[in-house]
Structures are given as C-alpha cells and as structure tokens.
Amino acid sequence: MSKTAQFNGYNSEIFGRNNQKELADYCNVLAQKGCYLIISNHWHDDILSWYSNELFEKYPIAVGRTINSKSDQRKKKVSEVLFISRIVK
C-alpha cells in the first residue's frame, strides 16, 4: 500500500483501521455461523491477518481504479484480495 493510501479516504465519515478490524471480526463470526460471504479489500498484511484462514479462502486480484488525482495512474492495477467463506460443518 502506498504511503498516501488510507483506510478512511472515501467519504466524509471516517472508516479507519479499527473499523476495518471490527468488520473482519464480524465477518469471522458470520462465517463461523455458516453464512456464505464474499468480501473484497485492499491487499494489506493487517487485513489479511484479520480474516481467519480456517474460515476464508483468500484470492489475490488486480483491480483497476478509474478515479485518481494523477491521470497516468488511472490505468494502473492495484492489489486487492477476495475473501470467500468456507463451508463450516
């Protein structure tokens, strides 16, 4: 992740690191209860560690961003992860 990338730069409300952790915790609870979830997020060590390996398969994906203050960066792909919950028996 770049030095200028932040978890909270998408809107006027702050959705920071603690919110990301809380979301992951809640998704882990839902997956443990048998809910089927598909979640995408930025490829970041913290985010990867917060989603249980026992509950989620993790797939790296490259995603294009059409919104960027630097026009030459708009076609650049960024690394994200797709979490897909496993079936809990």
C-alpha atoms as a PDB file:
ATOM      1  CA  MET A   1       0.000   0.000   0.000  1.00  0.00           C
ATOM      2  CA  SER A   2       1.321   3.425  -0.825  1.00  0.00           C
ATOM      3  CA  LYS A   3       2.307   5.893   1.882  1.00  0.00           C
ATOM      4  CA  THR A   4      -0.607   8.149   0.951  1.00  0.00           C
ATOM      5  CA  ALA A   5      -3.244   5.402   0.872  1.00  0.00           C
ATOM      6  CA  GLN A   6      -5.506   5.384   3.885  1.00  0.00           C
ATOM      7  CA  PHE A   7      -8.436   3.348   5.090  1.00  0.00           C
ATOM      8  CA  ASN A   8     -10.608   6.451   5.517  1.00  0.00           C
ATOM      9  CA  GLY A   9     -10.261   8.499   2.344  1.00  0.00           C
ATOM     10  CA  TYR A  10     -13.514   7.509   0.612  1.00  0.00           C
ATOM     11  CA  ASN A  11     -16.107   9.782   2.186  1.00  0.00           C
ATOM     12  CA  SER A  12     -16.754  12.346   4.921  1.00  0.00           C
ATOM     13  CA  GLU A  13     -17.165   9.632   7.552  1.00  0.00           C
ATOM     14  CA  ILE A  14     -14.022   8.065   8.942  1.00  0.00           C
ATOM     15  CA  PHE A  15     -13.757   4.315   8.345  1.00  0.00           C
ATOM     16  CA  GLY A  16     -10.369   3.652   9.834  1.00  0.00           C
ATOM     17  CA  ARG A  17      -8.184   0.776  10.896  1.00  0.00           C
ATOM     18  CA  ASN A  18     -10.335  -0.061  13.921  1.00  0.00           C
ATOM     19  CA  ASN A  19     -13.435  -0.160  11.718  1.00  0.00           C
ATOM     20  CA  GLN A  20     -11.664  -2.500   9.305  1.00  0.00           C
ATOM     21  CA  LYS A  21     -10.751  -4.795  12.220  1.00  0.00           C
ATOM     22  CA  GLU A  22     -14.312  -4.685  13.578  1.00  0.00           C
ATOM     23  CA  LEU A  23     -15.677  -5.558  10.135  1.00  0.00           C
ATOM     24  CA  ALA A  24     -13.290  -8.520   9.836  1.00  0.00           C
ATOM     25  CA  ASP A  25     -14.227  -9.741  13.329  1.00  0.00           C
ATOM     26  CA  TYR A  26     -17.923  -9.577  12.447  1.00  0.00           C
ATOM     27  CA  CYS A  27     -17.345 -11.413   9.155  1.00  0.00           C
ATOM     28  CA  ASN A  28     -15.437 -14.136  11.030  1.00  0.00           C
ATOM     29  CA  VAL A  29     -18.413 -14.554  13.391  1.00  0.00           C
ATOM     30  CA  LEU A  30     -20.869 -14.764  10.496  1.00  0.00           C
ATOM     31  CA  ALA A  31     -18.685 -17.256   8.616  1.00  0.00           C
ATOM     32  CA  GLN A  32     -18.386 -19.386  11.765  1.00  0.00           C
ATOM     33  CA  LYS A  33     -22.201 -19.452  11.924  1.00  0.00           C
ATOM     34  CA  GLY A  34     -22.313 -20.789   8.368  1.00  0.00           C
ATOM     35  CA  CYS A  35     -23.052 -17.611   6.417  1.00  0.00           C
ATOM     36  CA  TYR A  36     -21.620 -17.503   2.933  1.00  0.00           C
ATOM     37  CA  LEU A  37     -19.626 -14.308   2.424  1.00  0.00           C
ATOM     38  CA  ILE A  38     -17.641 -12.739  -0.384  1.00  0.00           C
ATOM     39  CA  ILE A  39     -15.565  -9.735   0.633  1.00  0.00           C
ATOM     40  CA  SER A  40     -13.029  -7.666  -1.269  1.00  0.00           C
ATOM     41  CA  ASN A  41     -10.476  -5.394   0.310  1.00  0.00           C
ATOM     42  CA  HIS A  42      -7.034  -3.919  -0.220  1.00  0.00           C
ATOM     43  CA  TRP A  43      -4.117  -6.378  -0.083  1.00  0.00           C
ATOM     44  CA  HIS A  44      -2.559  -5.404   3.234  1.00  0.00           C
ATOM     45  CA  ASP A  45      -0.832  -7.545   5.860  1.00  0.00           C
ATOM     46  CA  ASP A  46      -3.183  -6.433   8.645  1.00  0.00           C
ATOM     47  CA  ILE A  47      -6.324  -7.096   6.628  1.00  0.00           C
ATOM     48  CA  LEU A  48      -5.021 -10.492   5.506  1.00  0.00           C
ATOM     49  CA  SER A  49      -4.305 -11.484   9.109  1.00  0.00           C
ATOM     50  CA  TRP A  50      -7.729 -10.412  10.418  1.00  0.00           C
ATOM     51  CA  TYR A  51      -9.717 -12.861   8.277  1.00  0.00           C
ATOM     52  CA  SER A  52      -9.396 -16.416   9.604  1.00  0.00           C
ATOM     53  CA  ASN A  53      -7.545 -18.876   7.356  1.00  0.00           C
ATOM     54  CA  GLU A  54      -9.847 -21.618   8.656  1.00  0.00           C
ATOM     55  CA  LEU A  55     -12.963 -19.684   7.644  1.00  0.00           C
ATOM     56  CA  PHE A  56     -11.907 -17.935   4.425  1.00  0.00           C
ATOM     57  CA  GLU A  57     -10.129 -18.737   1.214  1.00  0.00           C
ATOM     58  CA  LYS A  58      -8.066 -15.756   0.053  1.00  0.00           C
ATOM     59  CA  TYR A  59      -7.525 -14.906  -3.604  1.00  0.00           C
ATOM     60  CA  PRO A  60      -5.277 -12.113  -4.875  1.00  0.00           C
ATOM     61  CA  ILE A  61      -6.873  -9.950  -7.555  1.00  0.00           C
ATOM     62  CA  ALA A  62      -5.659  -6.959  -9.580  1.00  0.00           C
ATOM     63  CA  VAL A  63      -8.173  -4.128  -9.816  1.00  0.00           C
ATOM     64  CA  GLY A  64      -8.121  -1.044 -11.989  1.00  0.00           C
ATOM     65  CA  ARG A  65      -9.039   2.301 -10.486  1.00  0.00           C
ATOM     66  CA  THR A  66     -10.568   4.910 -12.758  1.00  0.00           C
ATOM     67  CA  ILE A  67     -10.572   7.590 -10.060  1.00  0.00           C
ATOM     68  CA  ASN A  68      -7.147   9.027  -9.293  1.00  0.00           C
ATOM     69  CA  SER A  69      -5.839  12.556  -8.980  1.00  0.00           C
ATOM     70  CA  LYS A  70      -2.986  11.586 -11.334  1.00  0.00           C
ATOM     71  CA  SER A  71      -4.344  10.672 -14.756  1.00  0.00           C
ATOM     72  CA  ASP A  72      -1.337   8.474 -15.609  1.00  0.00           C
ATOM     73  CA  GLN A  73      -2.126   6.289 -12.582  1.00  0.00           C
ATOM     74  CA  ARG A  74      -5.744   5.577 -13.566  1.00  0.00           C
ATOM     75  CA  LYS A  75      -4.908   2.526 -15.651  1.00  0.00           C
ATOM     76  CA  LYS A  76      -2.554   1.090 -13.052  1.00  0.00           C
ATOM     77  CA  LYS A  77      -3.803  -2.057 -11.324  1.00  0.00           C
ATOM     78  CA  VAL A  78      -3.796  -2.257  -7.535  1.00  0.00           C
ATOM     79  CA  SER A  79      -3.548  -5.415  -5.449  1.00  0.00           C
ATOM     80  CA  GLU A  80      -6.673  -6.479  -3.646  1.00  0.00           C
ATOM     81  CA  VAL A  81      -7.852  -9.664  -2.018  1.00  0.00           C
ATOM     82  CA  LEU A  82     -11.087 -11.564  -2.413  1.00  0.00           C
ATOM     83  CA  PHE A  83     -12.175 -13.447   0.707  1.00  0.00           C
ATOM     84  CA  ILE A  84     -14.667 -16.273   0.174  1.00  0.00           C
ATOM     85  CA  SER A  85     -16.009 -18.026   3.238  1.00  0.00           C
ATOM     86  CA  ARG A  86     -15.566 -21.762   3.513  1.00  0.00           C
ATOM     87  CA  ILE A  87     -18.462 -24.052   4.364  1.00  0.00           C
ATOM     88  CA  VAL A  88     -18.373 -24.699   8.098  1.00  0.00           C
ATOM     89  CA  LYS A  89     -19.551 -28.137   9.189  1.00  0.00           C
END
